[in-house]
Amino acid sequence: MRQKSKYGMPPPTTRADFERNVFLLVDELEQHADDEDFLANRVWALGDSLEHARYLPNRRIEIANIDERMRNLSNMKGWMKYLPPVEFEKKGEDK
């Protein structure tokens, strides 16, 4: 697991890391395009951030148009790889 700073998970250090995180979010939205409940949740979380997001002609993200909501959600997607795997317990299972 990546070492956390005293302020939580560190921000991306390069533009490429940040773009990767944004593309993780975009990829998640494209994968769940048929799931209306999932999309409704993301639209609620992102608000009008999706309307302002733009690509440059070379398919890079135009960073000036990304607001705090989209930045936070996409960085969270990038940080998830550093978290330990989730383990679910079955009901009635003894420890």
N, C-alpha and C. Protein backbone atom coordinates (compact mmCIF):
# COMPACT_ATOMS: atom_id res chain seq x y z
N MET A 1 0.85 -1.18 0.00
CA MET A 1 0.00 0.00 0.00
C MET A 1 0.89 1.24 0.00
N ARG A 2 0.50 2.24 -0.75
CA ARG A 2 1.26 3.48 -0.86
C ARG A 2 1.22 4.24 0.46
N GLN A 3 2.34 4.84 0.82
CA GLN A 3 2.43 5.60 2.06
C GLN A 3 1.55 6.85 1.96
N LYS A 4 0.66 7.02 2.93
CA LYS A 4 -0.21 8.18 2.94
C LYS A 4 0.47 9.34 3.66
N SER A 5 0.15 10.54 3.24
CA SER A 5 0.63 11.71 3.96
C SER A 5 -0.31 11.95 5.13
N LYS A 6 0.02 12.93 5.96
CA LYS A 6 -0.86 13.20 7.09
C LYS A 6 -2.18 13.82 6.65
N TYR A 7 -2.28 14.20 5.38
CA TYR A 7 -3.50 14.80 4.85
C TYR A 7 -4.33 13.82 4.04
N GLY A 8 -4.02 12.54 4.07
CA GLY A 8 -4.75 11.55 3.30
C GLY A 8 -3.94 11.10 2.10
N MET A 9 -4.61 10.59 1.10
CA MET A 9 -3.91 10.09 -0.08
C MET A 9 -3.32 11.27 -0.85
N PRO A 10 -2.11 11.11 -1.37
CA PRO A 10 -1.47 12.23 -2.09
C PRO A 10 -2.11 12.46 -3.45
N PRO A 11 -2.07 13.70 -3.93
CA PRO A 11 -2.62 14.00 -5.25
C PRO A 11 -1.70 13.46 -6.34
N PRO A 12 -2.18 13.36 -7.57
CA PRO A 12 -1.33 12.94 -8.67
C PRO A 12 -0.16 13.92 -8.83
N THR A 13 1.00 13.38 -9.20
CA THR A 13 2.19 14.22 -9.30
C THR A 13 2.41 14.75 -10.70
N THR A 14 1.81 14.13 -11.71
CA THR A 14 2.00 14.57 -13.09
C THR A 14 0.66 14.72 -13.79
N ARG A 15 0.69 15.40 -14.90
CA ARG A 15 -0.52 15.54 -15.72
C ARG A 15 -0.97 14.17 -16.20
N ALA A 16 -0.02 13.30 -16.55
CA ALA A 16 -0.36 11.96 -17.04
C ALA A 16 -1.10 11.17 -15.97
N ASP A 17 -0.67 11.27 -14.71
CA ASP A 17 -1.38 10.58 -13.62
C ASP A 17 -2.79 11.11 -13.47
N PHE A 18 -2.93 12.43 -13.54
CA PHE A 18 -4.26 13.03 -13.42
C PHE A 18 -5.16 12.62 -14.57
N GLU A 19 -4.63 12.65 -15.79
CA GLU A 19 -5.43 12.24 -16.95
C GLU A 19 -5.82 10.78 -16.83
N ARG A 20 -4.93 9.94 -16.33
CA ARG A 20 -5.25 8.52 -16.13
C ARG A 20 -6.43 8.38 -15.19
N ASN A 21 -6.43 9.14 -14.09
CA ASN A 21 -7.54 9.07 -13.14
C ASN A 21 -8.84 9.52 -13.78
N VAL A 22 -8.79 10.57 -14.58
CA VAL A 22 -10.00 11.05 -15.26
C VAL A 22 -10.49 10.00 -16.26
N PHE A 23 -9.55 9.38 -16.97
CA PHE A 23 -9.95 8.33 -17.92
C PHE A 23 -10.54 7.11 -17.21
N LEU A 24 -10.10 6.83 -15.96
CA LEU A 24 -10.72 5.76 -15.18
C LEU A 24 -12.19 6.07 -14.93
N LEU A 25 -12.47 7.32 -14.61
CA LEU A 25 -13.85 7.74 -14.38
C LEU A 25 -14.67 7.66 -15.66
N VAL A 26 -14.10 8.16 -16.76
CA VAL A 26 -14.81 8.12 -18.05
C VAL A 26 -15.05 6.67 -18.48
N ASP A 27 -14.07 5.81 -18.27
CA ASP A 27 -14.21 4.40 -18.63
C ASP A 27 -15.31 3.75 -17.80
N GLU A 28 -15.38 4.08 -16.51
CA GLU A 28 -16.43 3.54 -15.66
C GLU A 28 -17.80 3.98 -16.16
N LEU A 29 -17.93 5.23 -16.56
CA LEU A 29 -19.21 5.72 -17.08
C LEU A 29 -19.59 5.00 -18.38
N GLU A 30 -18.61 4.76 -19.25
CA GLU A 30 -18.89 4.07 -20.51
C GLU A 30 -19.26 2.61 -20.28
N GLN A 31 -18.62 1.96 -19.30
CA GLN A 31 -18.92 0.55 -19.02
C GLN A 31 -20.33 0.38 -18.46
N HIS A 32 -20.82 1.36 -17.72
CA HIS A 32 -22.14 1.25 -17.09
C HIS A 32 -23.18 2.08 -17.83
N ALA A 33 -23.01 2.26 -19.12
CA ALA A 33 -23.92 3.09 -19.90
C ALA A 33 -25.36 2.57 -19.89
N ASP A 34 -25.56 1.28 -19.67
CA ASP A 34 -26.90 0.69 -19.68
C ASP A 34 -27.55 0.69 -18.30
N ASP A 35 -26.81 0.96 -17.26
CA ASP A 35 -27.31 0.91 -15.89
C ASP A 35 -27.81 2.30 -15.48
N GLU A 36 -29.11 2.50 -15.54
CA GLU A 36 -29.67 3.82 -15.27
C GLU A 36 -29.47 4.26 -13.82
N ASP A 37 -29.54 3.33 -12.88
CA ASP A 37 -29.34 3.69 -11.47
C ASP A 37 -27.91 4.16 -11.23
N PHE A 38 -26.95 3.47 -11.81
CA PHE A 38 -25.54 3.85 -11.66
C PHE A 38 -25.30 5.22 -12.25
N LEU A 39 -25.80 5.44 -13.46
CA LEU A 39 -25.62 6.74 -14.11
C LEU A 39 -26.30 7.86 -13.35
N ALA A 40 -27.47 7.58 -12.79
CA ALA A 40 -28.18 8.60 -12.00
C ALA A 40 -27.35 8.98 -10.78
N ASN A 41 -26.69 8.00 -10.16
CA ASN A 41 -25.83 8.28 -9.01
C ASN A 41 -24.64 9.13 -9.42
N ARG A 42 -24.02 8.82 -10.53
CA ARG A 42 -22.86 9.59 -10.98
C ARG A 42 -23.26 10.99 -11.43
N VAL A 43 -24.39 11.13 -12.08
CA VAL A 43 -24.86 12.46 -12.48
C VAL A 43 -25.15 13.29 -11.23
N TRP A 44 -25.69 12.67 -10.20
CA TRP A 44 -25.92 13.37 -8.95
C TRP A 44 -24.59 13.82 -8.35
N ALA A 45 -23.57 12.93 -8.37
CA ALA A 45 -22.27 13.25 -7.78
C ALA A 45 -21.51 14.29 -8.60
N LEU A 46 -21.63 14.22 -9.91
CA LEU A 46 -20.85 15.11 -10.77
C LEU A 46 -21.57 16.41 -11.12
N GLY A 47 -22.88 16.41 -11.01
CA GLY A 47 -23.62 17.63 -11.34
C GLY A 47 -23.40 18.02 -12.79
N ASP A 48 -23.12 19.29 -13.02
CA ASP A 48 -22.92 19.76 -14.39
C ASP A 48 -21.47 19.67 -14.84
N SER A 49 -20.63 18.97 -14.08
CA SER A 49 -19.21 18.81 -14.44
C SER A 49 -19.06 18.11 -15.79
N LEU A 50 -19.95 17.18 -16.08
CA LEU A 50 -19.85 16.45 -17.35
C LEU A 50 -20.11 17.35 -18.54
N GLU A 51 -20.95 18.37 -18.36
CA GLU A 51 -21.24 19.27 -19.47
C GLU A 51 -20.03 20.13 -19.84
N HIS A 52 -19.17 20.40 -18.87
CA HIS A 52 -18.02 21.27 -19.11
C HIS A 52 -16.78 20.51 -19.55
N ALA A 53 -16.74 19.20 -19.33
CA ALA A 53 -15.55 18.41 -19.69
C ALA A 53 -15.41 18.36 -21.22
N ARG A 54 -14.20 18.58 -21.68
CA ARG A 54 -13.92 18.59 -23.12
C ARG A 54 -12.62 17.87 -23.40
N TYR A 55 -12.54 17.33 -24.61
CA TYR A 55 -11.30 16.73 -25.11
C TYR A 55 -10.61 17.73 -26.03
N LEU A 56 -9.30 17.69 -26.03
CA LEU A 56 -8.52 18.41 -27.03
C LEU A 56 -8.53 17.61 -28.32
N PRO A 57 -8.13 18.18 -29.44
CA PRO A 57 -8.15 17.42 -30.71
C PRO A 57 -7.31 16.14 -30.69
N ASN A 58 -6.29 16.09 -29.84
CA ASN A 58 -5.46 14.89 -29.77
C ASN A 58 -5.97 13.89 -28.73
N ARG A 59 -7.21 14.04 -28.28
CA ARG A 59 -7.91 13.15 -27.35
C ARG A 59 -7.39 13.24 -25.91
N ARG A 60 -6.67 14.30 -25.60
CA ARG A 60 -6.28 14.55 -24.22
C ARG A 60 -7.38 15.36 -23.55
N ILE A 61 -7.43 15.28 -22.23
CA ILE A 61 -8.44 16.01 -21.46
C ILE A 61 -8.03 17.48 -21.36
N GLU A 62 -8.98 18.37 -21.54
CA GLU A 62 -8.71 19.79 -21.34
C GLU A 62 -8.86 20.07 -19.84
N ILE A 63 -7.73 20.17 -19.18
CA ILE A 63 -7.70 20.24 -17.72
C ILE A 63 -8.38 21.50 -17.19
N ALA A 64 -8.34 22.57 -17.92
CA ALA A 64 -8.94 23.82 -17.45
C ALA A 64 -10.45 23.69 -17.23
N ASN A 65 -11.09 22.73 -17.88
CA ASN A 65 -12.53 22.57 -17.76
C ASN A 65 -12.95 21.58 -16.69
N ILE A 66 -12.01 20.95 -16.01
CA ILE A 66 -12.35 19.97 -14.97
C ILE A 66 -12.48 20.71 -13.65
N ASP A 67 -13.64 20.55 -13.01
CA ASP A 67 -13.87 21.24 -11.75
C ASP A 67 -13.57 20.32 -10.57
N GLU A 68 -13.81 20.82 -9.36
CA GLU A 68 -13.45 20.09 -8.15
C GLU A 68 -14.21 18.78 -7.99
N ARG A 69 -15.46 18.74 -8.37
CA ARG A 69 -16.23 17.50 -8.22
C ARG A 69 -15.64 16.39 -9.07
N MET A 70 -15.37 16.70 -10.32
CA MET A 70 -14.81 15.69 -11.21
C MET A 70 -13.39 15.32 -10.78
N ARG A 71 -12.62 16.29 -10.33
CA ARG A 71 -11.26 16.02 -9.87
C ARG A 71 -11.27 15.08 -8.66
N ASN A 72 -12.14 15.37 -7.69
CA ASN A 72 -12.21 14.52 -6.50
C ASN A 72 -12.65 13.11 -6.82
N LEU A 73 -13.68 12.97 -7.63
CA LEU A 73 -14.18 11.65 -7.96
C LEU A 73 -13.17 10.85 -8.78
N SER A 74 -12.50 11.49 -9.71
CA SER A 74 -11.52 10.77 -10.53
C SER A 74 -10.28 10.41 -9.71
N ASN A 75 -9.83 11.28 -8.81
CA ASN A 75 -8.70 10.92 -7.95
C ASN A 75 -9.07 9.78 -7.01
N MET A 76 -10.31 9.76 -6.55
CA MET A 76 -10.76 8.64 -5.72
C MET A 76 -10.65 7.33 -6.49
N LYS A 77 -11.02 7.35 -7.76
CA LYS A 77 -10.90 6.14 -8.59
C LYS A 77 -9.45 5.70 -8.68
N GLY A 78 -8.52 6.65 -8.76
CA GLY A 78 -7.11 6.33 -8.81
C GLY A 78 -6.58 5.79 -7.49
N TRP A 79 -7.11 6.29 -6.37
CA TRP A 79 -6.64 5.85 -5.05
C TRP A 79 -7.15 4.46 -4.69
N MET A 80 -8.22 4.03 -5.30
CA MET A 80 -8.82 2.75 -4.93
C MET A 80 -7.86 1.58 -5.11
N LYS A 81 -6.90 1.70 -6.01
CA LYS A 81 -5.96 0.60 -6.22
C LYS A 81 -5.02 0.43 -5.03
N TYR A 82 -4.88 1.45 -4.18
CA TYR A 82 -4.01 1.37 -3.02
C TYR A 82 -4.72 0.83 -1.78
N LEU A 83 -6.03 0.70 -1.83
CA LEU A 83 -6.78 0.21 -0.69
C LEU A 83 -6.73 -1.31 -0.62
N PRO A 84 -6.81 -1.88 0.57
CA PRO A 84 -6.82 -3.34 0.66
C PRO A 84 -8.11 -3.88 0.05
N PRO A 85 -8.09 -5.13 -0.41
CA PRO A 85 -9.30 -5.69 -1.02
C PRO A 85 -10.44 -5.80 0.00
N VAL A 86 -11.64 -5.66 -0.49
CA VAL A 86 -12.83 -5.73 0.36
C VAL A 86 -13.19 -7.20 0.58
N GLU A 87 -13.42 -7.54 1.84
CA GLU A 87 -13.84 -8.90 2.16
C GLU A 87 -15.22 -8.84 2.80
N PHE A 88 -16.14 -9.62 2.28
CA PHE A 88 -17.50 -9.64 2.79
C PHE A 88 -17.68 -10.86 3.67
N GLU A 89 -18.42 -10.70 4.76
CA GLU A 89 -18.74 -11.83 5.65
C GLU A 89 -20.16 -12.27 5.36
N LYS A 90 -20.36 -13.56 5.36
CA LYS A 90 -21.70 -14.09 5.18
C LYS A 90 -22.45 -14.00 6.50
N LYS A 91 -23.75 -13.74 6.42
CA LYS A 91 -24.56 -13.66 7.62
C LYS A 91 -24.56 -15.01 8.33
N GLY A 92 -24.42 -14.97 9.64
CA GLY A 92 -24.43 -16.20 10.42
C GLY A 92 -23.09 -16.92 10.44
N GLU A 93 -22.10 -16.35 9.81
CA GLU A 93 -20.78 -16.98 9.79
C GLU A 93 -20.05 -16.66 11.08
N ASP A 94 -19.55 -17.69 11.76
CA ASP A 94 -18.82 -17.50 13.02
C ASP A 94 -17.40 -17.07 12.74
N LYS A 95 -16.87 -16.27 13.64
CA LYS A 95 -15.49 -15.82 13.49
C LYS A 95 -14.54 -16.71 14.21
